[in-house]
């Protein structure tokens, strides 16, 4: 079972890396905004970060037994640029009253190594040993990747 978890986590990270071919380099500030600042913005009713906008890239739901999960992708756009500088993946567990929401930054392919390490560390720590979560994220990334290849 441990090898399966390690394999699926590695597959998840490879899939995250492969969907980032078409956007501009992610900065540390953008990574922090996606993983922390956006949540504060939503919870506090604040305006969008100056100089940026989001574009909806897709939303997929999965159900495993009684567990419902929703994965949403949004491209973080710098004003005046045609390609996203990063992709925000929002993971929601919708079948429990408290709900679980996680914001994951999928950096650009050419983002600095330290930003990719932060994403890697988050994926390996948070998604490790949670097969239902891994399956939901992998399914959504497969659907998202398929959608992007048809453009």
C-alpha atoms as a PDB file:
ATOM      1  CA  UNK A   1       0.000   0.000   0.000  1.00  0.00           C
ATOM      2  CA  UNK A   2       2.882   2.366   0.811  1.00  0.00           C
ATOM      3  CA  UNK A   3       4.330   1.886  -2.697  1.00  0.00           C
ATOM      4  CA  UNK A   4       0.898   2.599  -4.229  1.00  0.00           C
ATOM      5  CA  UNK A   5       0.633   5.851  -2.271  1.00  0.00           C
ATOM      6  CA  UNK A   6       4.155   6.871  -3.280  1.00  0.00           C
ATOM      7  CA  UNK A   7       3.431   6.010  -6.925  1.00  0.00           C
ATOM      8  CA  UNK A   8       0.150   7.938  -7.022  1.00  0.00           C
ATOM      9  CA  UNK A   9       1.732  10.942  -5.322  1.00  0.00           C
ATOM     10  CA  UNK A  10       4.587  10.884  -7.852  1.00  0.00           C
ATOM     11  CA  UNK A  11       2.063  10.579 -10.692  1.00  0.00           C
ATOM     12  CA  UNK A  12       0.098  13.518  -9.269  1.00  0.00           C
ATOM     13  CA  UNK A  13       3.200  15.704  -9.153  1.00  0.00           C
ATOM     14  CA  UNK A  14       4.193  14.733 -12.713  1.00  0.00           C
ATOM     15  CA  UNK A  15       0.705  15.589 -13.912  1.00  0.00           C
ATOM     16  CA  UNK A  16       0.857  18.954 -12.145  1.00  0.00           C
ATOM     17  CA  UNK A  17       4.152  19.689 -13.903  1.00  0.00           C
ATOM     18  CA  UNK A  18       2.893  18.612 -17.343  1.00  0.00           C
ATOM     19  CA  UNK A  19      -0.105  20.978 -17.450  1.00  0.00           C
ATOM     20  CA  UNK A  20       2.041  24.082 -17.002  1.00  0.00           C
ATOM     21  CA  UNK A  21       3.625  24.278 -20.465  1.00  0.00           C
ATOM     22  CA  UNK A  22       1.630  27.239 -21.720  1.00  0.00           C
ATOM     23  CA  UNK A  23       2.023  30.038 -19.199  1.00  0.00           C
ATOM     24  CA  UNK A  24       4.525  32.643 -18.002  1.00  0.00           C
ATOM     25  CA  UNK A  25       6.875  32.296 -15.030  1.00  0.00           C
ATOM     26  CA  UNK A  26       5.332  32.225 -11.554  1.00  0.00           C
ATOM     27  CA  UNK A  27       6.781  34.534  -8.883  1.00  0.00           C
ATOM     28  CA  UNK A  28       6.968  33.910  -5.130  1.00  0.00           C
ATOM     29  CA  UNK A  29       4.392  36.671  -4.578  1.00  0.00           C
ATOM     30  CA  UNK A  30       1.956  34.941  -6.973  1.00  0.00           C
ATOM     31  CA  UNK A  31       2.554  31.575  -5.300  1.00  0.00           C
ATOM     32  CA  UNK A  32       1.813  33.120  -1.872  1.00  0.00           C
ATOM     33  CA  UNK A  33      -1.299  34.847  -3.189  1.00  0.00           C
ATOM     34  CA  UNK A  34      -2.733  31.594  -4.558  1.00  0.00           C
ATOM     35  CA  UNK A  35      -1.903  29.467  -1.525  1.00  0.00           C
ATOM     36  CA  UNK A  36      -2.725  32.011   1.222  1.00  0.00           C
ATOM     37  CA  UNK A  37      -3.867  35.425   0.022  1.00  0.00           C
ATOM     38  CA  UNK A  38      -6.823  34.323  -2.091  1.00  0.00           C
ATOM     39  CA  UNK A  39      -8.420  32.597   0.910  1.00  0.00           C
ATOM     40  CA  UNK A  40      -8.050  35.781   2.996  1.00  0.00           C
ATOM     41  CA  UNK A  41      -9.481  37.824   0.107  1.00  0.00           C
ATOM     42  CA  UNK A  42     -12.561  35.596  -0.195  1.00  0.00           C
ATOM     43  CA  UNK A  43     -13.175  35.313   3.553  1.00  0.00           C
ATOM     44  CA  UNK A  44     -12.778  39.070   4.086  1.00  0.00           C
ATOM     45  CA  UNK A  45     -14.661  40.222   0.986  1.00  0.00           C
ATOM     46  CA  UNK A  46     -11.608  42.068  -0.343  1.00  0.00           C
ATOM     47  CA  UNK A  47     -11.065  43.191  -3.922  1.00  0.00           C
ATOM     48  CA  UNK A  48      -9.041  41.195  -6.443  1.00  0.00           C
ATOM     49  CA  UNK A  49      -5.269  41.602  -6.211  1.00  0.00           C
ATOM     50  CA  UNK A  50      -4.286  44.711  -8.165  1.00  0.00           C
ATOM     51  CA  UNK A  51      -2.876  43.944 -11.609  1.00  0.00           C
ATOM     52  CA  UNK A  52      -4.402  40.458 -11.827  1.00  0.00           C
ATOM     53  CA  UNK A  53      -7.556  38.641 -12.781  1.00  0.00           C
ATOM     54  CA  UNK A  54      -8.704  35.024 -12.813  1.00  0.00           C
ATOM     55  CA  UNK A  55     -10.019  33.022 -15.717  1.00  0.00           C
ATOM     56  CA  UNK A  56     -12.090  29.893 -15.043  1.00  0.00           C
ATOM     57  CA  UNK A  57     -10.401  26.808 -16.506  1.00  0.00           C
ATOM     58  CA  UNK A  58     -12.754  24.037 -15.390  1.00  0.00           C
ATOM     59  CA  UNK A  59     -14.504  22.359 -12.518  1.00  0.00           C
ATOM     60  CA  UNK A  60     -14.851  18.608 -11.950  1.00  0.00           C
ATOM     61  CA  UNK A  61     -16.701  16.686  -9.262  1.00  0.00           C
ATOM     62  CA  UNK A  62     -16.060  13.145  -8.116  1.00  0.00           C
ATOM     63  CA  UNK A  63     -17.872  10.879  -5.718  1.00  0.00           C
ATOM     64  CA  UNK A  64     -16.373   7.910  -3.884  1.00  0.00           C
ATOM     65  CA  UNK A  65     -18.895   6.138  -1.700  1.00  0.00           C
ATOM     66  CA  UNK A  66     -20.404   8.903   0.401  1.00  0.00           C
ATOM     67  CA  UNK A  67     -17.518  11.337  -0.143  1.00  0.00           C
ATOM     68  CA  UNK A  68     -18.037  14.226  -2.566  1.00  0.00           C
ATOM     69  CA  UNK A  69     -15.115  16.214  -3.853  1.00  0.00           C
ATOM     70  CA  UNK A  70     -14.877  19.172  -6.186  1.00  0.00           C
ATOM     71  CA  UNK A  71     -11.733  20.364  -7.948  1.00  0.00           C
ATOM     72  CA  UNK A  72     -11.739  23.773  -9.616  1.00  0.00           C
ATOM     73  CA  UNK A  73      -8.989  25.317 -11.753  1.00  0.00           C
ATOM     74  CA  UNK A  74      -8.471  29.054 -12.280  1.00  0.00           C
ATOM     75  CA  UNK A  75      -5.731  30.729 -14.281  1.00  0.00           C
ATOM     76  CA  UNK A  76      -4.083  33.686 -12.545  1.00  0.00           C
ATOM     77  CA  UNK A  77      -3.697  36.318 -15.262  1.00  0.00           C
ATOM     78  CA  UNK A  78      -1.434  39.336 -15.160  1.00  0.00           C
ATOM     79  CA  UNK A  79      -3.314  42.272 -16.683  1.00  0.00           C
ATOM     80  CA  UNK A  80      -2.211  42.668 -20.301  1.00  0.00           C
ATOM     81  CA  UNK A  81      -0.899  39.112 -20.708  1.00  0.00           C
ATOM     82  CA  UNK A  82      -2.630  36.388 -22.680  1.00  0.00           C
ATOM     83  CA  UNK A  83      -1.332  33.401 -20.698  1.00  0.00           C
ATOM     84  CA  UNK A  84      -1.767  32.618 -17.009  1.00  0.00           C
ATOM     85  CA  UNK A  85       1.268  33.069 -14.757  1.00  0.00           C
ATOM     86  CA  UNK A  86       0.032  30.218 -12.517  1.00  0.00           C
ATOM     87  CA  UNK A  87      -2.943  27.949 -12.058  1.00  0.00           C
ATOM     88  CA  UNK A  88      -4.878  27.801  -8.826  1.00  0.00           C
ATOM     89  CA  UNK A  89      -6.342  24.390  -8.027  1.00  0.00           C
ATOM     90  CA  UNK A  90      -9.083  24.605  -5.417  1.00  0.00           C
ATOM     91  CA  UNK A  91      -9.849  21.306  -3.698  1.00  0.00           C
ATOM     92  CA  UNK A  92     -13.163  21.087  -1.828  1.00  0.00           C
ATOM     93  CA  UNK A  93     -14.704  18.265   0.108  1.00  0.00           C
ATOM     94  CA  UNK A  94     -18.410  19.052  -0.073  1.00  0.00           C
ATOM     95  CA  UNK A  95     -20.028  16.160   1.816  1.00  0.00           C
ATOM     96  CA  UNK A  96     -19.155  17.289   5.325  1.00  0.00           C
ATOM     97  CA  UNK A  97     -20.612  20.322   7.139  1.00  0.00           C
ATOM     98  CA  UNK A  98     -17.237  21.909   7.916  1.00  0.00           C
ATOM     99  CA  UNK A  99     -16.012  21.362   4.364  1.00  0.00           C
ATOM    100  CA  UNK A 100     -12.353  21.093   3.543  1.00  0.00           C
ATOM    101  CA  UNK A 101     -10.891  23.645   1.151  1.00  0.00           C
ATOM    102  CA  UNK A 102      -7.266  23.690  -0.007  1.00  0.00           C
ATOM    103  CA  UNK A 103      -5.668  26.115  -2.442  1.00  0.00           C
ATOM    104  CA  UNK A 104      -2.805  24.660  -4.476  1.00  0.00           C
ATOM    105  CA  UNK A 105      -0.547  26.659  -6.779  1.00  0.00           C
ATOM    106  CA  UNK A 106       0.477  24.931  -9.984  1.00  0.00           C
ATOM    107  CA  UNK A 107       3.460  27.076 -10.998  1.00  0.00           C
ATOM    108  CA  UNK A 108       4.631  27.717 -14.525  1.00  0.00           C
ATOM    109  CA  UNK A 109       6.999  25.178 -16.028  1.00  0.00           C
ATOM    110  CA  UNK A 110       9.856  27.694 -15.863  1.00  0.00           C
ATOM    111  CA  UNK A 111       9.132  28.907 -12.317  1.00  0.00           C
ATOM    112  CA  UNK A 112      12.139  29.004  -9.977  1.00  0.00           C
ATOM    113  CA  UNK A 113      13.066  25.693  -8.394  1.00  0.00           C
ATOM    114  CA  UNK A 114      12.192  26.914  -4.891  1.00  0.00           C
ATOM    115  CA  UNK A 115       8.582  27.544  -5.965  1.00  0.00           C
ATOM    116  CA  UNK A 116       8.310  24.066  -7.469  1.00  0.00           C
ATOM    117  CA  UNK A 117       9.798  22.680  -4.243  1.00  0.00           C
ATOM    118  CA  UNK A 118       7.061  24.408  -2.231  1.00  0.00           C
ATOM    119  CA  UNK A 119       4.387  22.838  -4.444  1.00  0.00           C
ATOM    120  CA  UNK A 120       6.143  19.472  -4.228  1.00  0.00           C
ATOM    121  CA  UNK A 121       6.393  19.660  -0.435  1.00  0.00           C
ATOM    122  CA  UNK A 122       2.704  20.559  -0.132  1.00  0.00           C
ATOM    123  CA  UNK A 123       1.560  17.777  -2.469  1.00  0.00           C
ATOM    124  CA  UNK A 124       3.684  15.121  -0.761  1.00  0.00           C
ATOM    125  CA  UNK A 125       2.685  16.172   2.753  1.00  0.00           C
ATOM    126  CA  UNK A 126      -0.989  16.996   2.290  1.00  0.00           C
ATOM    127  CA  UNK A 127      -2.091  14.386  -0.222  1.00  0.00           C
ATOM    128  CA  UNK A 128       0.007  11.589   1.268  1.00  0.00           C
ATOM    129  CA  UNK A 129      -2.058   8.744   2.764  1.00  0.00           C
ATOM    130  CA  UNK A 130      -5.363  10.167   1.564  1.00  0.00           C
ATOM    131  CA  UNK A 131      -6.337   7.949  -1.340  1.00  0.00           C
ATOM    132  CA  UNK A 132      -9.752   9.537  -1.881  1.00  0.00           C
ATOM    133  CA  UNK A 133      -8.173  12.966  -2.152  1.00  0.00           C
ATOM    134  CA  UNK A 134      -5.431  11.673  -4.460  1.00  0.00           C
ATOM    135  CA  UNK A 135      -7.978  10.015  -6.726  1.00  0.00           C
ATOM    136  CA  UNK A 136     -10.105  13.158  -6.936  1.00  0.00           C
ATOM    137  CA  UNK A 137      -7.132  15.380  -7.747  1.00  0.00           C
ATOM    138  CA  UNK A 138      -5.679  12.950 -10.283  1.00  0.00           C
ATOM    139  CA  UNK A 139      -9.075  12.602 -11.984  1.00  0.00           C
ATOM    140  CA  UNK A 140      -9.523  16.378 -12.192  1.00  0.00           C
ATOM    141  CA  UNK A 141      -5.968  16.893 -13.482  1.00  0.00           C
ATOM    142  CA  UNK A 142      -6.511  14.258 -16.162  1.00  0.00           C
ATOM    143  CA  UNK A 143      -9.732  15.976 -17.244  1.00  0.00           C
ATOM    144  CA  UNK A 144      -8.055  19.390 -17.113  1.00  0.00           C
ATOM    145  CA  UNK A 145      -5.043  18.180 -19.102  1.00  0.00           C
ATOM    146  CA  UNK A 146      -7.307  16.601 -21.691  1.00  0.00           C
ATOM    147  CA  UNK A 147      -9.261  19.846 -22.004  1.00  0.00           C
ATOM    148  CA  UNK A 148      -6.065  21.865 -22.485  1.00  0.00           C
ATOM    149  CA  UNK A 149      -4.760  19.569 -25.243  1.00  0.00           C
ATOM    150  CA  UNK A 150      -7.911  20.149 -27.283  1.00  0.00           C
ATOM    151  CA  UNK A 151      -7.338  23.921 -27.512  1.00  0.00           C
END
